[in-house]
Amino acid sequence: SKKTGKGKRPGKGGNRFWKSIGLGFKTPREAIEGRYEKRHSNIPAHISPCFRVKEGDHVIIGQCRPLSKTVRFNVLKVIPAGSSGGGKKAFTG
């Protein structure tokens, strides 16, 4: 029973397949073990003109019917940048 470069890896459930394809390409260890580096993603969302939004504000979005090819979310609520309770505090001087 010789070990091959193909099969299931033990770990979280063991259901993530990996394969060594040669040619100098290596599957990143994070992808094999299920850990990912990306912390957030940008989601295109429609915002009504009645919302007064500035750069740095946080928004709450909700899923809706497809509005265009990529937009599937609507902005429901705007949280101004200064009043994000419990978040990171900015240095004021």
PDB file of N, CA and C in Angstrom:
ATOM      1  N   SER A   1       0.842  -1.181   0.000  1.00  0.00           N
ATOM      2  CA  SER A   1       0.000   0.000   0.000  1.00  0.00           C
ATOM      3  C   SER A   1       0.886   1.243   0.000  1.00  0.00           C
ATOM      4  N   LYS A   2       1.193   1.712  -1.182  1.00  0.00           N
ATOM      5  CA  LYS A   2       2.040   2.886  -1.379  1.00  0.00           C
ATOM      6  C   LYS A   2       1.177   4.148  -1.306  1.00  0.00           C
ATOM      7  N   LYS A   3       1.708   5.189  -0.656  1.00  0.00           N
ATOM      8  CA  LYS A   3       0.956   6.437  -0.542  1.00  0.00           C
ATOM      9  C   LYS A   3       0.976   7.163  -1.876  1.00  0.00           C
ATOM     10  N   THR A   4      -0.181   7.641  -2.285  1.00  0.00           N
ATOM     11  CA  THR A   4      -0.274   8.411  -3.523  1.00  0.00           C
ATOM     12  C   THR A   4      -0.595   9.858  -3.179  1.00  0.00           C
ATOM     13  N   GLY A   5      -0.476  10.727  -4.135  1.00  0.00           N
ATOM     14  CA  GLY A   5      -0.747  12.143  -3.919  1.00  0.00           C
ATOM     15  C   GLY A   5      -2.190  12.506  -4.181  1.00  0.00           C
ATOM     16  N   LYS A   6      -3.097  11.602  -3.981  1.00  0.00           N
ATOM     17  CA  LYS A   6      -4.500  11.860  -4.275  1.00  0.00           C
ATOM     18  C   LYS A   6      -5.355  11.202  -3.201  1.00  0.00           C
ATOM     19  N   GLY A   7      -6.413  11.841  -2.770  1.00  0.00           N
ATOM     20  CA  GLY A   7      -7.297  11.209  -1.810  1.00  0.00           C
ATOM     21  C   GLY A   7      -7.832  12.193  -0.804  1.00  0.00           C
ATOM     22  N   LYS A   8      -8.354  11.658   0.295  1.00  0.00           N
ATOM     23  CA  LYS A   8      -8.932  12.496   1.335  1.00  0.00           C
ATOM     24  C   LYS A   8      -7.889  12.781   2.398  1.00  0.00           C
ATOM     25  N   ARG A   9      -7.939  14.013   2.926  1.00  0.00           N
ATOM     26  CA  ARG A   9      -7.035  14.382   3.998  1.00  0.00           C
ATOM     27  C   ARG A   9      -7.778  14.236   5.318  1.00  0.00           C
ATOM     28  N   PRO A  10      -7.122  13.729   6.348  1.00  0.00           N
ATOM     29  CA  PRO A  10      -7.784  13.687   7.652  1.00  0.00           C
ATOM     30  C   PRO A  10      -7.896  15.092   8.216  1.00  0.00           C
ATOM     31  N   GLY A  11      -8.861  15.308   9.064  1.00  0.00           N
ATOM     32  CA  GLY A  11      -9.022  16.637   9.656  1.00  0.00           C
ATOM     33  C   GLY A  11     -10.483  16.933   9.859  1.00  0.00           C
ATOM     34  N   LYS A  12     -10.885  18.152   9.543  1.00  0.00           N
ATOM     35  CA  LYS A  12     -12.266  18.579   9.763  1.00  0.00           C
ATOM     36  C   LYS A  12     -13.196  17.839   8.807  1.00  0.00           C
ATOM     37  N   GLY A  13     -13.690  16.703   9.190  1.00  0.00           N
ATOM     38  CA  GLY A  13     -14.627  15.965   8.356  1.00  0.00           C
ATOM     39  C   GLY A  13     -13.960  15.117   7.297  1.00  0.00           C
ATOM     40  N   GLY A  14     -12.780  15.507   6.842  1.00  0.00           N
ATOM     41  CA  GLY A  14     -12.041  14.729   5.856  1.00  0.00           C
ATOM     42  C   GLY A  14     -12.699  14.675   4.496  1.00  0.00           C
ATOM     43  N   ASN A  15     -13.517  15.655   4.128  1.00  0.00           N
ATOM     44  CA  ASN A  15     -14.224  15.580   2.860  1.00  0.00           C
ATOM     45  C   ASN A  15     -13.674  16.542   1.814  1.00  0.00           C
ATOM     46  N   ARG A  16     -12.494  17.113   2.029  1.00  0.00           N
ATOM     47  CA  ARG A  16     -11.907  18.036   1.066  1.00  0.00           C
ATOM     48  C   ARG A  16     -10.855  17.286   0.259  1.00  0.00           C
ATOM     49  N   PHE A  17     -11.111  17.103  -1.029  1.00  0.00           N
ATOM     50  CA  PHE A  17     -10.190  16.356  -1.876  1.00  0.00           C
ATOM     51  C   PHE A  17      -9.023  17.234  -2.302  1.00  0.00           C
ATOM     52  N   TRP A  18      -7.884  16.618  -2.465  1.00  0.00           N
ATOM     53  CA  TRP A  18      -6.718  17.326  -2.967  1.00  0.00           C
ATOM     54  C   TRP A  18      -5.965  16.402  -3.891  1.00  0.00           C
ATOM     55  N   LYS A  19      -5.177  16.966  -4.760  1.00  0.00           N
ATOM     56  CA  LYS A  19      -4.460  16.167  -5.740  1.00  0.00           C
ATOM     57  C   LYS A  19      -3.173  16.890  -6.120  1.00  0.00           C
ATOM     58  N   SER A  20      -2.062  16.162  -6.114  1.00  0.00           N
ATOM     59  CA  SER A  20      -0.789  16.727  -6.546  1.00  0.00           C
ATOM     60  C   SER A  20      -0.684  16.512  -8.046  1.00  0.00           C
ATOM     61  N   ILE A  21      -0.742  17.598  -8.828  1.00  0.00           N
ATOM     62  CA  ILE A  21      -0.776  17.452 -10.282  1.00  0.00           C
ATOM     63  C   ILE A  21       0.598  17.594 -10.923  1.00  0.00           C
ATOM     64  N   GLY A  22       1.640  17.803 -10.111  1.00  0.00           N
ATOM     65  CA  GLY A  22       2.976  17.949 -10.684  1.00  0.00           C
ATOM     66  C   GLY A  22       3.134  19.297 -11.356  1.00  0.00           C
ATOM     67  N   LEU A  23       4.030  19.403 -12.298  1.00  0.00           N
ATOM     68  CA  LEU A  23       4.274  20.608 -13.090  1.00  0.00           C
ATOM     69  C   LEU A  23       4.643  21.823 -12.246  1.00  0.00           C
ATOM     70  N   GLY A  24       5.072  21.617 -11.011  1.00  0.00           N
ATOM     71  CA  GLY A  24       5.483  22.732 -10.172  1.00  0.00           C
ATOM     72  C   GLY A  24       4.354  23.444  -9.460  1.00  0.00           C
ATOM     73  N   PHE A  25       3.095  23.052  -9.694  1.00  0.00           N
ATOM     74  CA  PHE A  25       1.964  23.674  -9.006  1.00  0.00           C
ATOM     75  C   PHE A  25       1.719  22.933  -7.702  1.00  0.00           C
ATOM     76  N   LYS A  26       1.472  23.681  -6.642  1.00  0.00           N
ATOM     77  CA  LYS A  26       1.134  23.061  -5.369  1.00  0.00           C
ATOM     78  C   LYS A  26      -0.186  23.634  -4.879  1.00  0.00           C
ATOM     79  N   THR A  27      -1.033  22.779  -4.360  1.00  0.00           N
ATOM     80  CA  THR A  27      -2.267  23.246  -3.749  1.00  0.00           C
ATOM     81  C   THR A  27      -1.906  23.916  -2.430  1.00  0.00           C
ATOM     82  N   PRO A  28      -2.375  25.146  -2.170  1.00  0.00           N
ATOM     83  CA  PRO A  28      -2.037  25.804  -0.903  1.00  0.00           C
ATOM     84  C   PRO A  28      -2.513  24.984   0.288  1.00  0.00           C
ATOM     85  N   ARG A  29      -1.686  24.938   1.319  1.00  0.00           N
ATOM     86  CA  ARG A  29      -2.007  24.149   2.505  1.00  0.00           C
ATOM     87  C   ARG A  29      -3.313  24.628   3.153  1.00  0.00           C
ATOM     88  N   GLU A  30      -3.565  25.935   3.100  1.00  0.00           N
ATOM     89  CA  GLU A  30      -4.798  26.474   3.682  1.00  0.00           C
ATOM     90  C   GLU A  30      -6.029  25.916   2.976  1.00  0.00           C
ATOM     91  N   ALA A  31      -5.935  25.723   1.657  1.00  0.00           N
ATOM     92  CA  ALA A  31      -7.074  25.195   0.904  1.00  0.00           C
ATOM     93  C   ALA A  31      -7.284  23.720   1.211  1.00  0.00           C
ATOM     94  N   ILE A  32      -6.202  22.974   1.396  1.00  0.00           N
ATOM     95  CA  ILE A  32      -6.321  21.542   1.688  1.00  0.00           C
ATOM     96  C   ILE A  32      -6.958  21.336   3.054  1.00  0.00           C
ATOM     97  N   GLU A  33      -6.538  22.108   4.034  1.00  0.00           N
ATOM     98  CA  GLU A  33      -6.993  21.897   5.409  1.00  0.00           C
ATOM     99  C   GLU A  33      -8.266  22.661   5.743  1.00  0.00           C
ATOM    100  N   GLY A  34      -8.765  23.476   4.823  1.00  0.00           N
ATOM    101  CA  GLY A  34     -10.021  24.165   5.064  1.00  0.00           C
ATOM    102  C   GLY A  34      -9.889  25.526   5.698  1.00  0.00           C
ATOM    103  N   ARG A  35      -8.671  26.033   5.866  1.00  0.00           N
ATOM    104  CA  ARG A  35      -8.497  27.380   6.410  1.00  0.00           C
ATOM    105  C   ARG A  35      -8.320  28.341   5.247  1.00  0.00           C
ATOM    106  N   TYR A  36      -8.984  29.449   5.307  1.00  0.00           N
ATOM    107  CA  TYR A  36      -8.889  30.434   4.242  1.00  0.00           C
ATOM    108  C   TYR A  36      -8.420  31.758   4.821  1.00  0.00           C
ATOM    109  N   GLU A  37      -7.733  32.540   4.011  1.00  0.00           N
ATOM    110  CA  GLU A  37      -7.183  33.802   4.459  1.00  0.00           C
ATOM    111  C   GLU A  37      -8.136  34.965   4.232  1.00  0.00           C
ATOM    112  N   LYS A  38      -9.024  34.855   3.266  1.00  0.00           N
ATOM    113  CA  LYS A  38      -9.899  35.975   2.946  1.00  0.00           C
ATOM    114  C   LYS A  38     -10.884  36.194   4.093  1.00  0.00           C
ATOM    115  N   ARG A  39     -10.935  37.403   4.603  1.00  0.00           N
ATOM    116  CA  ARG A  39     -11.758  37.703   5.774  1.00  0.00           C
ATOM    117  C   ARG A  39     -13.126  38.275   5.413  1.00  0.00           C
ATOM    118  N   HIS A  40     -13.245  38.932   4.295  1.00  0.00           N
ATOM    119  CA  HIS A  40     -14.526  39.511   3.893  1.00  0.00           C
ATOM    120  C   HIS A  40     -14.570  39.596   2.377  1.00  0.00           C
ATOM    121  N   SER A  41     -15.745  39.838   1.864  1.00  0.00           N
ATOM    122  CA  SER A  41     -15.888  39.997   0.419  1.00  0.00           C
ATOM    123  C   SER A  41     -16.813  41.179   0.154  1.00  0.00           C
ATOM    124  N   ASN A  42     -16.633  41.791  -0.981  1.00  0.00           N
ATOM    125  CA  ASN A  42     -17.498  42.894  -1.368  1.00  0.00           C
ATOM    126  C   ASN A  42     -18.737  42.329  -2.049  1.00  0.00           C
ATOM    127  N   ILE A  43     -19.916  42.772  -1.606  1.00  0.00           N
ATOM    128  CA  ILE A  43     -21.172  42.295  -2.174  1.00  0.00           C
ATOM    129  C   ILE A  43     -21.856  43.476  -2.848  1.00  0.00           C
ATOM    130  N   PRO A  44     -22.117  43.396  -4.155  1.00  0.00           N
ATOM    131  CA  PRO A  44     -22.833  44.491  -4.800  1.00  0.00           C
ATOM    132  C   PRO A  44     -24.273  44.568  -4.288  1.00  0.00           C
ATOM    133  N   ALA A  45     -24.693  45.752  -3.866  1.00  0.00           N
ATOM    134  CA  ALA A  45     -26.039  45.935  -3.327  1.00  0.00           C
ATOM    135  C   ALA A  45     -26.616  47.242  -3.856  1.00  0.00           C
ATOM    136  N   HIS A  46     -27.928  47.240  -4.070  1.00  0.00           N
ATOM    137  CA  HIS A  46     -28.619  48.448  -4.530  1.00  0.00           C
ATOM    138  C   HIS A  46     -28.929  49.315  -3.321  1.00  0.00           C
ATOM    139  N   ILE A  47     -28.689  50.614  -3.462  1.00  0.00           N
ATOM    140  CA  ILE A  47     -29.008  51.541  -2.380  1.00  0.00           C
ATOM    141  C   ILE A  47     -29.942  52.617  -2.916  1.00  0.00           C
ATOM    142  N   SER A  48     -31.032  52.835  -2.200  1.00  0.00           N
ATOM    143  CA  SER A  48     -32.018  53.829  -2.597  1.00  0.00           C
ATOM    144  C   SER A  48     -31.437  55.233  -2.425  1.00  0.00           C
ATOM    145  N   PRO A  49     -31.814  56.170  -3.302  1.00  0.00           N
ATOM    146  CA  PRO A  49     -31.296  57.541  -3.177  1.00  0.00           C
ATOM    147  C   PRO A  49     -31.716  58.240  -1.883  1.00  0.00           C
ATOM    148  N   CYS A  50     -32.742  57.721  -1.187  1.00  0.00           N
ATOM    149  CA  CYS A  50     -33.184  58.371   0.045  1.00  0.00           C
ATOM    150  C   CYS A  50     -32.189  58.175   1.188  1.00  0.00           C
ATOM    151  N   PHE A  51     -31.314  57.168   1.101  1.00  0.00           N
ATOM    152  CA  PHE A  51     -30.296  56.966   2.126  1.00  0.00           C
ATOM    153  C   PHE A  51     -29.154  57.948   1.897  1.00  0.00           C
ATOM    154  N   ARG A  52     -28.751  58.633   2.951  1.00  0.00           N
ATOM    155  CA  ARG A  52     -27.600  59.545   2.874  1.00  0.00           C
ATOM    156  C   ARG A  52     -26.389  58.778   3.396  1.00  0.00           C
ATOM    157  N   VAL A  53     -25.603  58.236   2.492  1.00  0.00           N
ATOM    158  CA  VAL A  53     -24.479  57.381   2.870  1.00  0.00           C
ATOM    159  C   VAL A  53     -23.171  58.085   2.552  1.00  0.00           C
ATOM    160  N   LYS A  54     -22.244  58.027   3.503  1.00  0.00           N
ATOM    161  CA  LYS A  54     -20.907  58.575   3.290  1.00  0.00           C
ATOM    162  C   LYS A  54     -19.900  57.433   3.329  1.00  0.00           C
ATOM    163  N   GLU A  55     -18.711  57.700   2.835  1.00  0.00           N
ATOM    164  CA  GLU A  55     -17.656  56.691   2.856  1.00  0.00           C
ATOM    165  C   GLU A  55     -17.305  56.368   4.306  1.00  0.00           C
ATOM    166  N   GLY A  56     -17.204  55.093   4.619  1.00  0.00           N
ATOM    167  CA  GLY A  56     -16.892  54.657   5.977  1.00  0.00           C
ATOM    168  C   GLY A  56     -18.106  54.195   6.761  1.00  0.00           C
ATOM    169  N   ASP A  57     -19.322  54.497   6.283  1.00  0.00           N
ATOM    170  CA  ASP A  57     -20.535  54.031   6.953  1.00  0.00           C
ATOM    171  C   ASP A  57     -20.689  52.527   6.772  1.00  0.00           C
ATOM    172  N   HIS A  58     -21.345  51.897   7.743  1.00  0.00           N
ATOM    173  CA  HIS A  58     -21.671  50.485   7.637  1.00  0.00           C
ATOM    174  C   HIS A  58     -23.133  50.369   7.234  1.00  0.00           C
ATOM    175  N   VAL A  59     -23.462  49.315   6.488  1.00  0.00           N
ATOM    176  CA  VAL A  59     -24.847  49.113   6.068  1.00  0.00           C
ATOM    177  C   VAL A  59     -25.277  47.690   6.374  1.00  0.00           C
ATOM    178  N   ILE A  60     -26.568  47.517   6.572  1.00  0.00           N
ATOM    179  CA  ILE A  60     -27.164  46.189   6.706  1.00  0.00           C
ATOM    180  C   ILE A  60     -27.901  45.924   5.408  1.00  0.00           C
ATOM    181  N   ILE A  61     -27.615  44.758   4.793  1.00  0.00           N
ATOM    182  CA  ILE A  61     -28.231  44.434   3.512  1.00  0.00           C
ATOM    183  C   ILE A  61     -29.096  43.195   3.660  1.00  0.00           C
ATOM    184  N   GLY A  62     -30.074  43.069   2.768  1.00  0.00           N
ATOM    185  CA  GLY A  62     -30.951  41.914   2.755  1.00  0.00           C
ATOM    186  C   GLY A  62     -31.095  41.381   1.346  1.00  0.00           C
ATOM    187  N   GLN A  63     -31.205  40.066   1.236  1.00  0.00           N
ATOM    188  CA  GLN A  63     -31.309  39.452  -0.087  1.00  0.00           C
ATOM    189  C   GLN A  63     -32.707  39.672  -0.665  1.00  0.00           C
ATOM    190  N   CYS A  64     -32.744  39.897  -1.973  1.00  0.00           N
ATOM    191  CA  CYS A  64     -34.011  40.127  -2.664  1.00  0.00           C
ATOM    192  C   CYS A  64     -33.948  39.445  -4.025  1.00  0.00           C
ATOM    193  N   ARG A  65     -34.920  39.718  -4.871  1.00  0.00           N
ATOM    194  CA  ARG A  65     -34.912  39.145  -6.211  1.00  0.00           C
ATOM    195  C   ARG A  65     -33.755  39.742  -7.003  1.00  0.00           C
ATOM    196  N   PRO A  66     -33.301  39.073  -8.057  1.00  0.00           N
ATOM    197  CA  PRO A  66     -32.208  39.641  -8.855  1.00  0.00           C
ATOM    198  C   PRO A  66     -32.617  40.968  -9.491  1.00  0.00           C
ATOM    199  N   LEU A  67     -31.861  42.015  -9.200  1.00  0.00           N
ATOM    200  CA  LEU A  67     -32.132  43.333  -9.758  1.00  0.00           C
ATOM    201  C   LEU A  67     -31.353  43.561 -11.043  1.00  0.00           C
ATOM    202  N   SER A  68     -30.225  42.901 -11.181  1.00  0.00           N
ATOM    203  CA  SER A  68     -29.422  42.964 -12.402  1.00  0.00           C
ATOM    204  C   SER A  68     -28.580  41.691 -12.456  1.00  0.00           C
ATOM    205  N   LYS A  69     -27.592  41.680 -13.330  1.00  0.00           N
ATOM    206  CA  LYS A  69     -26.768  40.479 -13.491  1.00  0.00           C
ATOM    207  C   LYS A  69     -26.053  40.104 -12.189  1.00  0.00           C
ATOM    208  N   THR A  70     -25.571  41.085 -11.450  1.00  0.00           N
ATOM    209  CA  THR A  70     -24.800  40.791 -10.239  1.00  0.00           C
ATOM    210  C   THR A  70     -25.463  41.239  -8.947  1.00  0.00           C
ATOM    211  N   VAL A  71     -26.441  42.142  -9.009  1.00  0.00           N
ATOM    212  CA  VAL A  71     -27.016  42.714  -7.785  1.00  0.00           C
ATOM    213  C   VAL A  71     -28.190  41.867  -7.315  1.00  0.00           C
ATOM    214  N   ARG A  72     -28.070  41.313  -6.098  1.00  0.00           N
ATOM    215  CA  ARG A  72     -29.133  40.503  -5.495  1.00  0.00           C
ATOM    216  C   ARG A  72     -29.456  40.958  -4.074  1.00  0.00           C
ATOM    217  N   PHE A  73     -28.946  42.100  -3.652  1.00  0.00           N
ATOM    218  CA  PHE A  73     -29.148  42.581  -2.294  1.00  0.00           C
ATOM    219  C   PHE A  73     -29.601  44.033  -2.312  1.00  0.00           C
ATOM    220  N   ASN A  74     -30.375  44.423  -1.296  1.00  0.00           N
ATOM    221  CA  ASN A  74     -30.823  45.795  -1.075  1.00  0.00           C
ATOM    222  C   ASN A  74     -30.261  46.278   0.252  1.00  0.00           C
ATOM    223  N   VAL A  75     -29.988  47.569   0.347  1.00  0.00           N
ATOM    224  CA  VAL A  75     -29.570  48.148   1.619  1.00  0.00           C
ATOM    225  C   VAL A  75     -30.820  48.391   2.451  1.00  0.00           C
ATOM    226  N   LEU A  76     -30.831  47.874   3.688  1.00  0.00           N
ATOM    227  CA  LEU A  76     -31.983  48.010   4.573  1.00  0.00           C
ATOM    228  C   LEU A  76     -31.783  49.109   5.608  1.00  0.00           C
ATOM    229  N   LYS A  77     -30.553  49.253   6.089  1.00  0.00           N
ATOM    230  CA  LYS A  77     -30.288  50.206   7.162  1.00  0.00           C
ATOM    231  C   LYS A  77     -28.865  50.723   7.025  1.00  0.00           C
ATOM    232  N   VAL A  78     -28.670  51.998   7.335  1.00  0.00           N
ATOM    233  CA  VAL A  78     -27.344  52.618   7.293  1.00  0.00           C
ATOM    234  C   VAL A  78     -26.923  52.941   8.721  1.00  0.00           C
ATOM    235  N   ILE A  79     -25.728  52.496   9.100  1.00  0.00           N
ATOM    236  CA  ILE A  79     -25.171  52.790  10.418  1.00  0.00           C
ATOM    237  C   ILE A  79     -24.034  53.786  10.203  1.00  0.00           C
ATOM    238  N   PRO A  80     -24.193  55.036  10.672  1.00  0.00           N
ATOM    239  CA  PRO A  80     -23.143  56.037  10.441  1.00  0.00           C
ATOM    240  C   PRO A  80     -21.808  55.612  11.043  1.00  0.00           C
ATOM    241  N   ALA A  81     -20.724  56.115  10.471  1.00  0.00           N
ATOM    242  CA  ALA A  81     -19.378  55.696  10.868  1.00  0.00           C
ATOM    243  C   ALA A  81     -19.083  56.031  12.327  1.00  0.00           C
ATOM    244  N   GLY A  82     -19.607  57.134  12.846  1.00  0.00           N
ATOM    245  CA  GLY A  82     -19.306  57.540  14.217  1.00  0.00           C
ATOM    246  C   GLY A  82     -20.029  56.733  15.272  1.00  0.00           C
ATOM    247  N   SER A  83     -21.170  56.131  14.943  1.00  0.00           N
ATOM    248  CA  SER A  83     -21.989  55.465  15.959  1.00  0.00           C
ATOM    249  C   SER A  83     -22.014  53.955  15.801  1.00  0.00           C
ATOM    250  N   SER A  84     -20.897  53.352  15.413  1.00  0.00           N
ATOM    251  CA  SER A  84     -20.856  51.885  15.337  1.00  0.00           C
ATOM    252  C   SER A  84     -20.458  51.372  16.710  1.00  0.00           C
ATOM    253  N   GLY A  85     -21.428  51.105  17.546  1.00  0.00           N
ATOM    254  CA  GLY A  85     -21.185  50.715  18.926  1.00  0.00           C
ATOM    255  C   GLY A  85     -20.405  49.425  19.055  1.00  0.00           C
ATOM    256  N   GLY A  86     -19.361  49.447  19.887  1.00  0.00           N
ATOM    257  CA  GLY A  86     -18.591  48.247  20.158  1.00  0.00           C
ATOM    258  C   GLY A  86     -17.523  47.926  19.138  1.00  0.00           C
ATOM    259  N   GLY A  87     -17.408  48.724  18.097  1.00  0.00           N
ATOM    260  CA  GLY A  87     -16.408  48.453  17.068  1.00  0.00           C
ATOM    261  C   GLY A  87     -15.038  48.978  17.470  1.00  0.00           C
ATOM    262  N   LYS A  88     -14.147  49.028  16.519  1.00  0.00           N
ATOM    263  CA  LYS A  88     -12.811  49.557  16.777  1.00  0.00           C
ATOM    264  C   LYS A  88     -12.908  51.064  16.998  1.00  0.00           C
ATOM    265  N   LYS A  89     -12.198  51.548  17.988  1.00  0.00           N
ATOM    266  CA  LYS A  89     -12.212  52.974  18.274  1.00  0.00           C
ATOM    267  C   LYS A  89     -11.061  53.638  17.538  1.00  0.00           C
ATOM    268  N   ALA A  90     -11.360  54.719  16.867  1.00  0.00           N
ATOM    269  CA  ALA A  90     -10.343  55.441  16.115  1.00  0.00           C
ATOM    270  C   ALA A  90      -9.587  56.379  17.050  1.00  0.00           C
ATOM    271  N   PHE A  91      -8.328  56.609  16.743  1.00  0.00           N
ATOM    272  CA  PHE A  91      -7.500  57.537  17.514  1.00  0.00           C
ATOM    273  C   PHE A  91      -7.921  58.966  17.192  1.00  0.00           C
ATOM    274  N   THR A  92      -8.228  59.755  18.227  1.00  0.00           N
ATOM    275  CA  THR A  92      -8.740  61.103  17.997  1.00  0.00           C
ATOM    276  C   THR A  92      -7.723  62.193  18.292  1.00  0.00           C
ATOM    277  N   GLY A  93      -6.563  61.859  18.764  1.00  0.00           N
ATOM    278  CA  GLY A  93      -5.592  62.924  18.954  1.00  0.00           C
ATOM    279  C   GLY A  93      -4.857  62.743  20.182  1.00  0.00           C
TER     280      GLY A  93
END
